[in-house]
N, C-alpha and C. Protein backbone atom coordinates (compact mmCIF):
# COMPACT_ATOMS: atom_id res chain seq x y z
N MET A 1 -8.56 11.17 -3.19
CA MET A 1 -7.87 12.34 -3.71
C MET A 1 -8.18 13.55 -2.83
N SER A 2 -7.25 14.45 -2.80
CA SER A 2 -7.47 15.66 -2.03
C SER A 2 -8.22 16.68 -2.88
N LEU A 3 -8.54 17.80 -2.28
CA LEU A 3 -9.26 18.85 -2.99
C LEU A 3 -8.46 19.41 -4.16
N SER A 4 -7.15 19.35 -4.07
CA SER A 4 -6.31 19.88 -5.15
C SER A 4 -6.25 18.94 -6.35
N GLY A 5 -6.83 17.74 -6.23
CA GLY A 5 -6.81 16.79 -7.33
C GLY A 5 -5.60 15.88 -7.31
N LYS A 6 -4.72 16.07 -6.35
CA LYS A 6 -3.53 15.23 -6.23
C LYS A 6 -3.77 14.19 -5.14
N THR A 7 -3.15 13.04 -5.30
CA THR A 7 -3.22 12.01 -4.28
C THR A 7 -2.36 12.45 -3.11
N PRO A 8 -2.89 12.41 -1.88
CA PRO A 8 -2.09 12.83 -0.74
C PRO A 8 -0.92 11.87 -0.53
N PRO A 9 0.18 12.35 0.03
CA PRO A 9 1.34 11.48 0.24
C PRO A 9 1.00 10.38 1.25
N VAL A 10 1.61 9.22 1.04
CA VAL A 10 1.43 8.10 1.96
C VAL A 10 2.23 8.40 3.22
N LYS A 11 1.60 8.17 4.37
CA LYS A 11 2.27 8.41 5.64
C LYS A 11 2.33 7.13 6.44
N GLY A 12 3.12 7.14 7.50
CA GLY A 12 3.21 5.99 8.39
C GLY A 12 4.01 4.85 7.78
N PRO A 13 3.80 3.64 8.31
CA PRO A 13 4.59 2.49 7.86
C PRO A 13 4.53 2.25 6.36
N ALA A 14 3.37 2.50 5.74
CA ALA A 14 3.23 2.23 4.30
C ALA A 14 4.15 3.10 3.45
N SER A 15 4.64 4.20 4.01
CA SER A 15 5.54 5.06 3.24
C SER A 15 6.86 4.35 2.91
N TYR A 16 7.17 3.29 3.64
CA TYR A 16 8.39 2.52 3.39
C TYR A 16 8.20 1.48 2.28
N PHE A 17 6.97 1.16 1.93
CA PHE A 17 6.71 0.03 1.04
C PHE A 17 7.42 0.10 -0.32
N PRO A 18 7.42 1.24 -1.02
CA PRO A 18 8.13 1.26 -2.31
C PRO A 18 9.62 0.93 -2.18
N SER A 19 10.27 1.46 -1.15
CA SER A 19 11.70 1.19 -1.00
C SER A 19 11.94 -0.25 -0.55
N ILE A 20 11.03 -0.83 0.23
CA ILE A 20 11.17 -2.23 0.64
C ILE A 20 11.09 -3.14 -0.59
N GLU A 21 10.10 -2.89 -1.45
CA GLU A 21 9.97 -3.71 -2.66
C GLU A 21 11.19 -3.58 -3.55
N LYS A 22 11.69 -2.37 -3.70
CA LYS A 22 12.85 -2.13 -4.56
C LYS A 22 14.11 -2.78 -3.99
N LYS A 23 14.34 -2.61 -2.70
CA LYS A 23 15.57 -3.10 -2.09
C LYS A 23 15.62 -4.61 -1.97
N TYR A 24 14.48 -5.24 -1.61
CA TYR A 24 14.48 -6.67 -1.32
C TYR A 24 13.86 -7.52 -2.42
N GLY A 25 13.26 -6.88 -3.44
CA GLY A 25 12.80 -7.60 -4.62
C GLY A 25 11.58 -8.49 -4.44
N ARG A 26 10.81 -8.26 -3.38
CA ARG A 26 9.60 -9.04 -3.15
C ARG A 26 8.45 -8.08 -2.92
N PRO A 27 7.26 -8.41 -3.42
CA PRO A 27 6.11 -7.53 -3.20
C PRO A 27 5.68 -7.52 -1.73
N ILE A 28 5.07 -6.45 -1.32
CA ILE A 28 4.61 -6.28 0.06
C ILE A 28 3.67 -7.42 0.45
N ALA A 29 2.83 -7.86 -0.47
CA ALA A 29 1.90 -8.96 -0.16
C ALA A 29 2.64 -10.21 0.31
N GLU A 30 3.80 -10.49 -0.25
CA GLU A 30 4.59 -11.66 0.18
C GLU A 30 5.11 -11.48 1.60
N TRP A 31 5.59 -10.27 1.90
CA TRP A 31 6.09 -10.01 3.26
C TRP A 31 4.96 -10.14 4.27
N LYS A 32 3.78 -9.61 3.92
CA LYS A 32 2.64 -9.69 4.84
C LYS A 32 2.20 -11.14 5.04
N ALA A 33 2.20 -11.92 3.98
CA ALA A 33 1.84 -13.34 4.09
C ALA A 33 2.83 -14.07 5.00
N LEU A 34 4.10 -13.75 4.86
CA LEU A 34 5.14 -14.35 5.71
C LEU A 34 4.90 -13.99 7.18
N ILE A 35 4.61 -12.74 7.44
CA ILE A 35 4.35 -12.29 8.81
C ILE A 35 3.13 -13.01 9.37
N ARG A 36 2.08 -13.08 8.58
CA ARG A 36 0.84 -13.72 9.03
C ARG A 36 1.02 -15.23 9.25
N SER A 37 1.98 -15.83 8.58
CA SER A 37 2.21 -17.27 8.73
C SER A 37 2.91 -17.59 10.05
N GLN A 38 3.39 -16.59 10.73
CA GLN A 38 4.12 -16.77 11.99
C GLN A 38 3.23 -16.44 13.18
N SER A 39 2.03 -16.98 13.20
CA SER A 39 1.10 -16.66 14.28
C SER A 39 1.70 -17.05 15.62
N GLY A 40 1.39 -16.25 16.61
CA GLY A 40 1.90 -16.52 17.95
C GLY A 40 3.13 -15.71 18.31
N LEU A 41 3.82 -15.18 17.31
CA LEU A 41 4.99 -14.35 17.61
C LEU A 41 4.55 -12.91 17.89
N LYS A 42 5.26 -12.27 18.81
CA LYS A 42 4.97 -10.88 19.15
C LYS A 42 5.65 -9.96 18.15
N HIS A 43 5.27 -8.68 18.22
CA HIS A 43 5.77 -7.67 17.28
C HIS A 43 7.29 -7.73 17.12
N MET A 44 8.01 -7.59 18.23
CA MET A 44 9.48 -7.53 18.12
C MET A 44 10.08 -8.87 17.73
N GLU A 45 9.41 -9.97 18.02
CA GLU A 45 9.88 -11.27 17.57
C GLU A 45 9.77 -11.37 16.05
N LEU A 46 8.69 -10.82 15.50
CA LEU A 46 8.52 -10.80 14.05
C LEU A 46 9.56 -9.90 13.39
N VAL A 47 9.83 -8.75 14.01
CA VAL A 47 10.86 -7.85 13.48
C VAL A 47 12.20 -8.57 13.46
N ALA A 48 12.54 -9.24 14.56
CA ALA A 48 13.81 -9.97 14.64
C ALA A 48 13.89 -11.06 13.58
N LEU A 49 12.79 -11.76 13.36
CA LEU A 49 12.75 -12.81 12.34
C LEU A 49 13.06 -12.24 10.96
N LEU A 50 12.42 -11.15 10.61
CA LEU A 50 12.65 -10.54 9.29
C LEU A 50 14.09 -10.06 9.15
N LYS A 51 14.63 -9.51 10.21
CA LYS A 51 16.02 -9.02 10.17
C LYS A 51 17.01 -10.18 10.06
N GLN A 52 16.85 -11.19 10.89
CA GLN A 52 17.82 -12.28 10.95
C GLN A 52 17.70 -13.23 9.78
N THR A 53 16.48 -13.57 9.39
CA THR A 53 16.27 -14.57 8.35
C THR A 53 16.30 -14.00 6.94
N HIS A 54 15.84 -12.75 6.81
CA HIS A 54 15.69 -12.18 5.47
C HIS A 54 16.55 -10.95 5.22
N GLY A 55 17.30 -10.51 6.22
CA GLY A 55 18.25 -9.42 6.04
C GLY A 55 17.64 -8.03 5.95
N LEU A 56 16.40 -7.87 6.40
CA LEU A 56 15.78 -6.54 6.36
C LEU A 56 16.41 -5.66 7.43
N GLY A 57 16.43 -4.36 7.15
CA GLY A 57 16.85 -3.40 8.15
C GLY A 57 15.75 -3.25 9.20
N HIS A 58 16.10 -2.69 10.35
CA HIS A 58 15.14 -2.58 11.44
C HIS A 58 13.91 -1.75 11.05
N GLY A 59 14.12 -0.61 10.42
CA GLY A 59 13.01 0.26 10.05
C GLY A 59 12.05 -0.40 9.08
N HIS A 60 12.60 -1.09 8.09
CA HIS A 60 11.76 -1.78 7.10
C HIS A 60 10.99 -2.92 7.75
N ALA A 61 11.66 -3.71 8.57
CA ALA A 61 11.00 -4.83 9.24
C ALA A 61 9.91 -4.33 10.17
N ASN A 62 10.21 -3.30 10.93
CA ASN A 62 9.24 -2.74 11.87
C ASN A 62 8.02 -2.18 11.14
N ALA A 63 8.24 -1.51 10.03
CA ALA A 63 7.14 -0.94 9.26
C ALA A 63 6.22 -2.04 8.73
N LEU A 64 6.80 -3.11 8.20
CA LEU A 64 5.99 -4.22 7.69
C LEU A 64 5.18 -4.88 8.79
N VAL A 65 5.81 -5.13 9.92
CA VAL A 65 5.11 -5.79 11.03
C VAL A 65 4.01 -4.89 11.58
N ALA A 66 4.33 -3.63 11.81
CA ALA A 66 3.34 -2.70 12.37
C ALA A 66 2.12 -2.59 11.46
N HIS A 67 2.34 -2.43 10.17
CA HIS A 67 1.24 -2.27 9.23
C HIS A 67 0.40 -3.55 9.14
N THR A 68 1.06 -4.69 9.10
CA THR A 68 0.35 -5.96 8.98
C THR A 68 -0.48 -6.25 10.24
N LEU A 69 0.10 -6.05 11.40
CA LEU A 69 -0.63 -6.30 12.64
C LEU A 69 -1.80 -5.34 12.81
N ALA A 70 -1.61 -4.09 12.38
CA ALA A 70 -2.70 -3.11 12.47
C ALA A 70 -3.86 -3.50 11.55
N GLU A 71 -3.54 -4.02 10.37
CA GLU A 71 -4.58 -4.48 9.44
C GLU A 71 -5.39 -5.63 10.02
N ASP A 72 -4.72 -6.48 10.78
CA ASP A 72 -5.35 -7.70 11.28
C ASP A 72 -6.13 -7.50 12.57
N LYS A 73 -6.11 -6.31 13.11
CA LYS A 73 -6.86 -6.05 14.36
C LYS A 73 -8.34 -5.98 14.10
């Protein structure tokens, strides 16, 4: 929490997570598990997979991949 007692706004890729869950109907944990199951693929290959196979928009796919790969470093 910040000094004002309010939770600071989420920034970066995670700021997309509520809209991703609402639009595609799957929790973020499922998307991250899917990304992690595709070991060996590069960032943009994972983005393309999410777009082509699951119909995600580029921004949503990129946010999920970026956040997941950053967590796994």
